[in-house]
Amino acid sequence: MDMPERVFVVVVESEAARDPDGMPVLSRNTQGGARLAPIFSSMLLATTFLARAQQLGHVVRLDYIFPADGRRLSEDFPDHEFALDPSPEAFFGEPKPD
């Protein structure tokens, strides 16, 4: 997949102190064991994704959203695979039950 030059990545809260070299990005494990992370082509899409995820019952402990170089994602986050502009339904699956 060709990545845009600039993408937005969601960083979630961690239990430890902030470490710029070890930012925990929003991700989930796939059946194959990979860590899949959503990335967004605009800040609007990132915030819309988070708002919709919340409506569906998915709690995202957001720390911040930051711009990243789409060409360097695989170098900066070597243990992750990326989904560009996914819907919350596609990323999380079914809505959480009440």
PDB file of N, CA and C in Angstrom:
ATOM      1  N   MET A   1       0.841  -1.168   0.000  1.00  0.00           N
ATOM      2  CA  MET A   1       0.000   0.000   0.000  1.00  0.00           C
ATOM      3  C   MET A   1       0.885   1.229   0.000  1.00  0.00           C
ATOM      4  N   ASP A   2       0.582   2.176  -0.878  1.00  0.00           N
ATOM      5  CA  ASP A   2       1.314   3.440  -0.908  1.00  0.00           C
ATOM      6  C   ASP A   2       0.779   4.344   0.187  1.00  0.00           C
ATOM      7  N   MET A   3       1.683   4.838   1.010  1.00  0.00           N
ATOM      8  CA  MET A   3       1.303   5.713   2.114  1.00  0.00           C
ATOM      9  C   MET A   3       1.428   7.166   1.693  1.00  0.00           C
ATOM     10  N   PRO A   4       0.517   8.000   2.174  1.00  0.00           N
ATOM     11  CA  PRO A   4       0.701   9.437   1.975  1.00  0.00           C
ATOM     12  C   PRO A   4       1.965   9.886   2.704  1.00  0.00           C
ATOM     13  N   GLU A   5       2.515  11.021   2.303  1.00  0.00           N
ATOM     14  CA  GLU A   5       3.708  11.534   2.977  1.00  0.00           C
ATOM     15  C   GLU A   5       3.439  11.836   4.437  1.00  0.00           C
ATOM     16  N   ARG A   6       2.259  12.358   4.719  1.00  0.00           N
ATOM     17  CA  ARG A   6       1.919  12.724   6.092  1.00  0.00           C
ATOM     18  C   ARG A   6       0.678  11.955   6.518  1.00  0.00           C
ATOM     19  N   VAL A   7       0.787  11.278   7.639  1.00  0.00           N
ATOM     20  CA  VAL A   7      -0.344  10.555   8.209  1.00  0.00           C
ATOM     21  C   VAL A   7      -0.461  10.932   9.685  1.00  0.00           C
ATOM     22  N   PHE A   8      -1.571  10.561  10.296  1.00  0.00           N
ATOM     23  CA  PHE A   8      -1.790  10.839  11.709  1.00  0.00           C
ATOM     24  C   PHE A   8      -1.942   9.524  12.454  1.00  0.00           C
ATOM     25  N   VAL A   9      -1.238   9.430  13.568  1.00  0.00           N
ATOM     26  CA  VAL A   9      -1.188   8.211  14.365  1.00  0.00           C
ATOM     27  C   VAL A   9      -1.767   8.522  15.744  1.00  0.00           C
ATOM     28  N   VAL A  10      -2.556   7.601  16.282  1.00  0.00           N
ATOM     29  CA  VAL A  10      -3.160   7.766  17.603  1.00  0.00           C
ATOM     30  C   VAL A  10      -2.251   7.109  18.636  1.00  0.00           C
ATOM     31  N   VAL A  11      -1.826   7.901  19.605  1.00  0.00           N
ATOM     32  CA  VAL A  11      -1.004   7.386  20.704  1.00  0.00           C
ATOM     33  C   VAL A  11      -1.914   7.251  21.914  1.00  0.00           C
ATOM     34  N   VAL A  12      -1.832   6.112  22.577  1.00  0.00           N
ATOM     35  CA  VAL A  12      -2.679   5.861  23.744  1.00  0.00           C
ATOM     36  C   VAL A  12      -1.868   6.004  25.021  1.00  0.00           C
ATOM     37  N   GLU A  13      -2.582   6.170  26.122  1.00  0.00           N
ATOM     38  CA  GLU A  13      -1.933   6.295  27.421  1.00  0.00           C
ATOM     39  C   GLU A  13      -1.185   5.009  27.742  1.00  0.00           C
ATOM     40  N   SER A  14      -0.069   5.156  28.414  1.00  0.00           N
ATOM     41  CA  SER A  14       0.666   3.986  28.878  1.00  0.00           C
ATOM     42  C   SER A  14       0.753   4.036  30.388  1.00  0.00           C
ATOM     43  N   GLU A  15       1.045   2.918  30.968  1.00  0.00           N
ATOM     44  CA  GLU A  15       1.181   2.839  32.417  1.00  0.00           C
ATOM     45  C   GLU A  15       2.479   3.497  32.874  1.00  0.00           C
ATOM     46  N   ALA A  16       3.473   3.488  32.027  1.00  0.00           N
ATOM     47  CA  ALA A  16       4.794   4.035  32.378  1.00  0.00           C
ATOM     48  C   ALA A  16       4.862   5.519  32.009  1.00  0.00           C
ATOM     49  N   ALA A  17       5.951   6.135  32.367  1.00  0.00           N
ATOM     50  CA  ALA A  17       6.178   7.533  32.002  1.00  0.00           C
ATOM     51  C   ALA A  17       6.319   7.644  30.489  1.00  0.00           C
ATOM     52  N   ARG A  18       6.082   8.833  29.970  1.00  0.00           N
ATOM     53  CA  ARG A  18       6.214   9.050  28.528  1.00  0.00           C
ATOM     54  C   ARG A  18       7.643   8.785  28.076  1.00  0.00           C
ATOM     55  N   ASP A  19       7.739   8.053  26.987  1.00  0.00           N
ATOM     56  CA  ASP A  19       9.030   7.723  26.403  1.00  0.00           C
ATOM     57  C   ASP A  19       8.915   7.939  24.896  1.00  0.00           C
ATOM     58  N   PRO A  20       9.516   8.995  24.352  1.00  0.00           N
ATOM     59  CA  PRO A  20       9.358   9.275  22.925  1.00  0.00           C
ATOM     60  C   PRO A  20       9.868   8.159  22.021  1.00  0.00           C
ATOM     61  N   ASP A  21      10.730   7.291  22.529  1.00  0.00           N
ATOM     62  CA  ASP A  21      11.223   6.175  21.721  1.00  0.00           C
ATOM     63  C   ASP A  21      10.326   4.950  21.816  1.00  0.00           C
ATOM     64  N   GLY A  22       9.355   4.982  22.696  1.00  0.00           N
ATOM     65  CA  GLY A  22       8.483   3.830  22.865  1.00  0.00           C
ATOM     66  C   GLY A  22       7.030   4.223  22.985  1.00  0.00           C
ATOM     67  N   MET A  23       6.544   5.025  22.054  1.00  0.00           N
ATOM     68  CA  MET A  23       5.168   5.500  22.100  1.00  0.00           C
ATOM     69  C   MET A  23       4.207   4.344  21.817  1.00  0.00           C
ATOM     70  N   PRO A  24       3.245   4.111  22.717  1.00  0.00           N
ATOM     71  CA  PRO A  24       2.270   3.055  22.440  1.00  0.00           C
ATOM     72  C   PRO A  24       1.177   3.568  21.500  1.00  0.00           C
ATOM     73  N   VAL A  25       1.194   3.108  20.270  1.00  0.00           N
ATOM     74  CA  VAL A  25       0.180   3.529  19.312  1.00  0.00           C
ATOM     75  C   VAL A  25      -1.036   2.620  19.447  1.00  0.00           C
ATOM     76  N   LEU A  26      -2.199   3.171  19.124  1.00  0.00           N
ATOM     77  CA  LEU A  26      -3.419   2.379  19.123  1.00  0.00           C
ATOM     78  C   LEU A  26      -3.221   1.214  18.168  1.00  0.00           C
ATOM     79  N   SER A  27      -3.409   0.009  18.655  1.00  0.00           N
ATOM     80  CA  SER A  27      -3.245  -1.170  17.801  1.00  0.00           C
ATOM     81  C   SER A  27      -4.029  -2.326  18.401  1.00  0.00           C
ATOM     82  N   ARG A  28      -4.176  -3.352  17.609  1.00  0.00           N
ATOM     83  CA  ARG A  28      -4.774  -4.605  18.080  1.00  0.00           C
ATOM     84  C   ARG A  28      -4.004  -5.745  17.433  1.00  0.00           C
ATOM     85  N   ASN A  29      -4.005  -6.882  18.099  1.00  0.00           N
ATOM     86  CA  ASN A  29      -3.337  -8.057  17.547  1.00  0.00           C
ATOM     87  C   ASN A  29      -4.266  -8.733  16.544  1.00  0.00           C
ATOM     88  N   THR A  30      -3.708  -9.160  15.428  1.00  0.00           N
ATOM     89  CA  THR A  30      -4.488  -9.882  14.429  1.00  0.00           C
ATOM     90  C   THR A  30      -4.397 -11.371  14.719  1.00  0.00           C
ATOM     91  N   GLN A  31      -5.188 -12.145  14.018  1.00  0.00           N
ATOM     92  CA  GLN A  31      -5.151 -13.596  14.201  1.00  0.00           C
ATOM     93  C   GLN A  31      -3.775 -14.159  13.870  1.00  0.00           C
ATOM     94  N   GLY A  32      -3.066 -13.513  12.963  1.00  0.00           N
ATOM     95  CA  GLY A  32      -1.726 -13.969  12.594  1.00  0.00           C
ATOM     96  C   GLY A  32      -0.645 -13.519  13.553  1.00  0.00           C
ATOM     97  N   GLY A  33      -1.016 -12.733  14.575  1.00  0.00           N
ATOM     98  CA  GLY A  33      -0.053 -12.288  15.568  1.00  0.00           C
ATOM     99  C   GLY A  33       0.566 -10.935  15.299  1.00  0.00           C
ATOM    100  N   ALA A  34       0.216 -10.309  14.178  1.00  0.00           N
ATOM    101  CA  ALA A  34       0.755  -8.984  13.871  1.00  0.00           C
ATOM    102  C   ALA A  34       0.019  -7.934  14.691  1.00  0.00           C
ATOM    103  N   ARG A  35       0.653  -6.784  14.876  1.00  0.00           N
ATOM    104  CA  ARG A  35       0.017  -5.655  15.551  1.00  0.00           C
ATOM    105  C   ARG A  35      -0.465  -4.692  14.472  1.00  0.00           C
ATOM    106  N   LEU A  36      -1.781  -4.574  14.360  1.00  0.00           N
ATOM    107  CA  LEU A  36      -2.391  -3.719  13.348  1.00  0.00           C
ATOM    108  C   LEU A  36      -2.740  -2.380  13.978  1.00  0.00           C
ATOM    109  N   ALA A  37      -2.301  -1.305  13.353  1.00  0.00           N
ATOM    110  CA  ALA A  37      -2.540   0.050  13.856  1.00  0.00           C
ATOM    111  C   ALA A  37      -3.252   0.874  12.787  1.00  0.00           C
ATOM    112  N   PRO A  38      -4.288   1.625  13.186  1.00  0.00           N
ATOM    113  CA  PRO A  38      -4.925   2.516  12.224  1.00  0.00           C
ATOM    114  C   PRO A  38      -4.103   3.784  12.071  1.00  0.00           C
ATOM    115  N   ILE A  39      -4.013   4.272  10.852  1.00  0.00           N
ATOM    116  CA  ILE A  39      -3.399   5.569  10.573  1.00  0.00           C
ATOM    117  C   ILE A  39      -4.381   6.335   9.696  1.00  0.00           C
ATOM    118  N   PHE A  40      -4.255   7.648   9.707  1.00  0.00           N
ATOM    119  CA  PHE A  40      -5.257   8.470   9.046  1.00  0.00           C
ATOM    120  C   PHE A  40      -4.607   9.516   8.158  1.00  0.00           C
ATOM    121  N   SER A  41      -5.279   9.796   7.040  1.00  0.00           N
ATOM    122  CA  SER A  41      -4.739  10.758   6.090  1.00  0.00           C
ATOM    123  C   SER A  41      -5.048  12.200   6.487  1.00  0.00           C
ATOM    124  N   SER A  42      -5.880  12.382   7.522  1.00  0.00           N
ATOM    125  CA  SER A  42      -6.150  13.732   8.020  1.00  0.00           C
ATOM    126  C   SER A  42      -6.493  13.665   9.507  1.00  0.00           C
ATOM    127  N   MET A  43      -6.329  14.787  10.182  1.00  0.00           N
ATOM    128  CA  MET A  43      -6.699  14.880  11.592  1.00  0.00           C
ATOM    129  C   MET A  43      -8.206  14.698  11.742  1.00  0.00           C
ATOM    130  N   LEU A  44      -8.978  15.214  10.795  1.00  0.00           N
ATOM    131  CA  LEU A  44     -10.432  15.071  10.843  1.00  0.00           C
ATOM    132  C   LEU A  44     -10.838  13.595  10.827  1.00  0.00           C
ATOM    133  N   LEU A  45     -10.231  12.808   9.959  1.00  0.00           N
ATOM    134  CA  LEU A  45     -10.562  11.382   9.911  1.00  0.00           C
ATOM    135  C   LEU A  45     -10.172  10.676  11.213  1.00  0.00           C
ATOM    136  N   ALA A  46      -9.053  11.069  11.806  1.00  0.00           N
ATOM    137  CA  ALA A  46      -8.627  10.465  13.072  1.00  0.00           C
ATOM    138  C   ALA A  46      -9.616  10.773  14.182  1.00  0.00           C
ATOM    139  N   THR A  47     -10.039  12.021  14.291  1.00  0.00           N
ATOM    140  CA  THR A  47     -10.973  12.384  15.355  1.00  0.00           C
ATOM    141  C   THR A  47     -12.360  11.800  15.106  1.00  0.00           C
ATOM    142  N   THR A  48     -12.771  11.710  13.857  1.00  0.00           N
ATOM    143  CA  THR A  48     -14.052  11.089  13.525  1.00  0.00           C
ATOM    144  C   THR A  48     -14.029   9.599  13.878  1.00  0.00           C
ATOM    145  N   PHE A  49     -12.931   8.928  13.572  1.00  0.00           N
ATOM    146  CA  PHE A  49     -12.753   7.513  13.937  1.00  0.00           C
ATOM    147  C   PHE A  49     -12.902   7.336  15.447  1.00  0.00           C
ATOM    148  N   LEU A  50     -12.232   8.180  16.224  1.00  0.00           N
ATOM    149  CA  LEU A  50     -12.279   8.060  17.680  1.00  0.00           C
ATOM    150  C   LEU A  50     -13.673   8.339  18.229  1.00  0.00           C
ATOM    151  N   ALA A  51     -14.345   9.346  17.694  1.00  0.00           N
ATOM    152  CA  ALA A  51     -15.703   9.661  18.143  1.00  0.00           C
ATOM    153  C   ALA A  51     -16.656   8.509  17.839  1.00  0.00           C
ATOM    154  N   ARG A  52     -16.559   7.960  16.659  1.00  0.00           N
ATOM    155  CA  ARG A  52     -17.430   6.836  16.266  1.00  0.00           C
ATOM    156  C   ARG A  52     -17.102   5.594  17.089  1.00  0.00           C
ATOM    157  N   ALA A  53     -15.845   5.338  17.346  1.00  0.00           N
ATOM    158  CA  ALA A  53     -15.458   4.188  18.180  1.00  0.00           C
ATOM    159  C   ALA A  53     -16.077   4.319  19.562  1.00  0.00           C
ATOM    160  N   GLN A  54     -16.053   5.525  20.112  1.00  0.00           N
ATOM    161  CA  GLN A  54     -16.653   5.773  21.424  1.00  0.00           C
ATOM    162  C   GLN A  54     -18.155   5.492  21.384  1.00  0.00           C
ATOM    163  N   GLN A  55     -18.826   5.935  20.323  1.00  0.00           N
ATOM    164  CA  GLN A  55     -20.263   5.686  20.181  1.00  0.00           C
ATOM    165  C   GLN A  55     -20.575   4.189  20.132  1.00  0.00           C
ATOM    166  N   LEU A  56     -19.647   3.427  19.558  1.00  0.00           N
ATOM    167  CA  LEU A  56     -19.826   1.978  19.447  1.00  0.00           C
ATOM    168  C   LEU A  56     -19.457   1.246  20.737  1.00  0.00           C
ATOM    169  N   GLY A  57     -18.938   1.975  21.718  1.00  0.00           N
ATOM    170  CA  GLY A  57     -18.608   1.363  22.996  1.00  0.00           C
ATOM    171  C   GLY A  57     -17.155   0.972  23.169  1.00  0.00           C
ATOM    172  N   HIS A  58     -16.294   1.368  22.255  1.00  0.00           N
ATOM    173  CA  HIS A  58     -14.871   1.053  22.363  1.00  0.00           C
ATOM    174  C   HIS A  58     -14.171   2.201  23.092  1.00  0.00           C
ATOM    175  N   VAL A  59     -13.555   1.891  24.202  1.00  0.00           N
ATOM    176  CA  VAL A  59     -12.853   2.912  24.974  1.00  0.00           C
ATOM    177  C   VAL A  59     -11.421   3.001  24.466  1.00  0.00           C
ATOM    178  N   VAL A  60     -11.039   4.183  24.027  1.00  0.00           N
ATOM    179  CA  VAL A  60      -9.669   4.428  23.587  1.00  0.00           C
ATOM    180  C   VAL A  60      -9.075   5.437  24.553  1.00  0.00           C
ATOM    181  N   ARG A  61      -8.103   5.023  25.311  1.00  0.00           N
ATOM    182  CA  ARG A  61      -7.459   5.910  26.276  1.00  0.00           C
ATOM    183  C   ARG A  61      -6.453   6.775  25.524  1.00  0.00           C
ATOM    184  N   LEU A  62      -6.970   7.782  24.864  1.00  0.00           N
ATOM    185  CA  LEU A  62      -6.190   8.659  23.991  1.00  0.00           C
ATOM    186  C   LEU A  62      -5.218   9.511  24.797  1.00  0.00           C
ATOM    187  N   ASP A  63      -3.988   9.546  24.344  1.00  0.00           N
ATOM    188  CA  ASP A  63      -3.006  10.474  24.893  1.00  0.00           C
ATOM    189  C   ASP A  63      -2.903  11.664  23.934  1.00  0.00           C
ATOM    190  N   TYR A  64      -2.618  11.388  22.679  1.00  0.00           N
ATOM    191  CA  TYR A  64      -2.596  12.444  21.673  1.00  0.00           C
ATOM    192  C   TYR A  64      -2.577  11.839  20.273  1.00  0.00           C
ATOM    193  N   ILE A  65      -2.792  12.679  19.280  1.00  0.00           N
ATOM    194  CA  ILE A  65      -2.705  12.302  17.871  1.00  0.00           C
ATOM    195  C   ILE A  65      -1.547  13.098  17.294  1.00  0.00           C
ATOM    196  N   PHE A  66      -0.649  12.428  16.597  1.00  0.00           N
ATOM    197  CA  PHE A  66       0.484  13.182  16.064  1.00  0.00           C
ATOM    198  C   PHE A  66       0.690  12.890  14.582  1.00  0.00           C
ATOM    199  N   PRO A  67       1.226  13.864  13.865  1.00  0.00           N
ATOM    200  CA  PRO A  67       1.553  13.638  12.460  1.00  0.00           C
ATOM    201  C   PRO A  67       2.830  12.819  12.358  1.00  0.00           C
ATOM    202  N   ALA A  68       2.863  11.946  11.380  1.00  0.00           N
ATOM    203  CA  ALA A  68       4.038  11.110  11.157  1.00  0.00           C
ATOM    204  C   ALA A  68       4.343  11.069   9.661  1.00  0.00           C
ATOM    205  N   ASP A  69       5.559  10.747   9.359  1.00  0.00           N
ATOM    206  CA  ASP A  69       5.998  10.599   7.975  1.00  0.00           C
ATOM    207  C   ASP A  69       5.561   9.218   7.484  1.00  0.00           C
ATOM    208  N   GLY A  70       4.608   9.184   6.584  1.00  0.00           N
ATOM    209  CA  GLY A  70       4.085   7.919   6.077  1.00  0.00           C
ATOM    210  C   GLY A  70       5.135   7.050   5.410  1.00  0.00           C
ATOM    211  N   ARG A  71       6.178   7.654   4.897  1.00  0.00           N
ATOM    212  CA  ARG A  71       7.236   6.885   4.235  1.00  0.00           C
ATOM    213  C   ARG A  71       8.135   6.171   5.230  1.00  0.00           C
ATOM    214  N   ARG A  72       8.118   6.615   6.503  1.00  0.00           N
ATOM    215  CA  ARG A  72       9.006   6.039   7.522  1.00  0.00           C
ATOM    216  C   ARG A  72       8.282   5.172   8.550  1.00  0.00           C
ATOM    217  N   LEU A  73       6.991   4.956   8.373  1.00  0.00           N
ATOM    218  CA  LEU A  73       6.230   4.223   9.385  1.00  0.00           C
ATOM    219  C   LEU A  73       6.820   2.859   9.699  1.00  0.00           C
ATOM    220  N   SER A  74       7.180   2.119   8.667  1.00  0.00           N
ATOM    221  CA  SER A  74       7.710   0.775   8.916  1.00  0.00           C
ATOM    222  C   SER A  74       9.047   0.818   9.652  1.00  0.00           C
ATOM    223  N   GLU A  75       9.808   1.888   9.478  1.00  0.00           N
ATOM    224  CA  GLU A  75      11.065   2.050  10.219  1.00  0.00           C
ATOM    225  C   GLU A  75      10.805   2.521  11.648  1.00  0.00           C
ATOM    226  N   ASP A  76       9.876   3.455  11.804  1.00  0.00           N
ATOM    227  CA  ASP A  76       9.596   4.017  13.117  1.00  0.00           C
ATOM    228  C   ASP A  76       8.810   3.055  14.012  1.00  0.00           C
ATOM    229  N   PHE A  77       7.982   2.213  13.399  1.00  0.00           N
ATOM    230  CA  PHE A  77       7.163   1.249  14.138  1.00  0.00           C
ATOM    231  C   PHE A  77       7.329  -0.125  13.481  1.00  0.00           C
ATOM    232  N   PRO A  78       8.480  -0.754  13.665  1.00  0.00           N
ATOM    233  CA  PRO A  78       8.784  -1.986  12.929  1.00  0.00           C
ATOM    234  C   PRO A  78       7.889  -3.175  13.288  1.00  0.00           C
ATOM    235  N   ASP A  79       7.258  -3.166  14.434  1.00  0.00           N
ATOM    236  CA  ASP A  79       6.427  -4.298  14.852  1.00  0.00           C
ATOM    237  C   ASP A  79       4.964  -4.137  14.475  1.00  0.00           C
ATOM    238  N   HIS A  80       4.646  -3.161  13.640  1.00  0.00           N
ATOM    239  CA  HIS A  80       3.262  -2.867  13.313  1.00  0.00           C
ATOM    240  C   HIS A  80       2.988  -3.004  11.821  1.00  0.00           C
ATOM    241  N   GLU A  81       1.736  -3.330  11.530  1.00  0.00           N
ATOM    242  CA  GLU A  81       1.175  -3.216  10.191  1.00  0.00           C
ATOM    243  C   GLU A  81       0.158  -2.090  10.278  1.00  0.00           C
ATOM    244  N   PHE A  82      -0.154  -1.455   9.156  1.00  0.00           N
ATOM    245  CA  PHE A  82      -0.987  -0.261   9.203  1.00  0.00           C
ATOM    246  C   PHE A  82      -2.190  -0.375   8.293  1.00  0.00           C
ATOM    247  N   ALA A  83      -3.308   0.165   8.772  1.00  0.00           N
ATOM    248  CA  ALA A  83      -4.534   0.265   7.994  1.00  0.00           C
ATOM    249  C   ALA A  83      -4.819   1.748   7.808  1.00  0.00           C
ATOM    250  N   LEU A  84      -4.866   2.184   6.572  1.00  0.00           N
ATOM    251  CA  LEU A  84      -5.090   3.601   6.268  1.00  0.00           C
ATOM    252  C   LEU A  84      -6.583   3.907   6.254  1.00  0.00           C
ATOM    253  N   ASP A  85      -6.977   4.870   7.078  1.00  0.00           N
ATOM    254  CA  ASP A  85      -8.346   5.379   7.150  1.00  0.00           C
ATOM    255  C   ASP A  85      -9.404   4.281   7.339  1.00  0.00           C
ATOM    256  N   PRO A  86      -9.202   3.380   8.306  1.00  0.00           N
ATOM    257  CA  PRO A  86     -10.232   2.349   8.517  1.00  0.00           C
ATOM    258  C   PRO A  86     -11.439   2.931   9.244  1.00  0.00           C
ATOM    259  N   SER A  87     -12.556   2.280   9.118  1.00  0.00           N
ATOM    260  CA  SER A  87     -13.702   2.623   9.955  1.00  0.00           C
ATOM    261  C   SER A  87     -13.488   1.943  11.309  1.00  0.00           C
ATOM    262  N   PRO A  88     -14.112   2.444  12.367  1.00  0.00           N
ATOM    263  CA  PRO A  88     -14.000   1.758  13.650  1.00  0.00           C
ATOM    264  C   PRO A  88     -14.564   0.338  13.592  1.00  0.00           C
ATOM    265  N   GLU A  89     -15.628   0.167  12.811  1.00  0.00           N
ATOM    266  CA  GLU A  89     -16.215  -1.167  12.662  1.00  0.00           C
ATOM    267  C   GLU A  89     -15.219  -2.133  12.043  1.00  0.00           C
ATOM    268  N   ALA A  90     -14.497  -1.679  11.031  1.00  0.00           N
ATOM    269  CA  ALA A  90     -13.508  -2.536  10.380  1.00  0.00           C
ATOM    270  C   ALA A  90     -12.320  -2.799  11.293  1.00  0.00           C
ATOM    271  N   PHE A  91     -11.927  -1.807  12.071  1.00  0.00           N
ATOM    272  CA  PHE A  91     -10.754  -1.976  12.924  1.00  0.00           C
ATOM    273  C   PHE A  91     -11.059  -2.786  14.180  1.00  0.00           C
ATOM    274  N   PHE A  92     -12.136  -2.430  14.889  1.00  0.00           N
ATOM    275  CA  PHE A  92     -12.447  -3.095  16.157  1.00  0.00           C
ATOM    276  C   PHE A  92     -13.353  -4.307  16.003  1.00  0.00           C
ATOM    277  N   GLY A  93     -14.095  -4.362  14.910  1.00  0.00           N
ATOM    278  CA  GLY A  93     -15.075  -5.439  14.764  1.00  0.00           C
ATOM    279  C   GLY A  93     -16.425  -4.980  15.262  1.00  0.00           C
ATOM    280  N   GLU A  94     -17.189  -5.882  15.825  1.00  0.00           N
ATOM    281  CA  GLU A  94     -18.546  -5.589  16.273  1.00  0.00           C
ATOM    282  C   GLU A  94     -18.572  -4.598  17.425  1.00  0.00           C
ATOM    283  N   PRO A  95     -19.673  -3.837  17.540  1.00  0.00           N
ATOM    284  CA  PRO A  95     -19.803  -2.927  18.686  1.00  0.00           C
ATOM    285  C   PRO A  95     -19.769  -3.689  20.005  1.00  0.00           C
ATOM    286  N   LYS A  96     -19.267  -3.024  21.022  1.00  0.00           N
ATOM    287  CA  LYS A  96     -19.233  -3.627  22.359  1.00  0.00           C
ATOM    288  C   LYS A  96     -20.648  -3.686  22.910  1.00  0.00           C
ATOM    289  N   PRO A  97     -21.027  -4.807  23.562  1.00  0.00           N
ATOM    290  CA  PRO A  97     -22.360  -4.848  24.175  1.00  0.00           C
ATOM    291  C   PRO A  97     -22.410  -3.949  25.404  1.00  0.00           C
ATOM    292  N   ASP A  98     -23.606  -3.456  25.713  1.00  0.00           N
ATOM    293  CA  ASP A  98     -23.776  -2.592  26.897  1.00  0.00           C
ATOM    294  C   ASP A  98     -23.652  -3.376  28.176  1.00  0.00           C
TER     295      ASP A  98
END
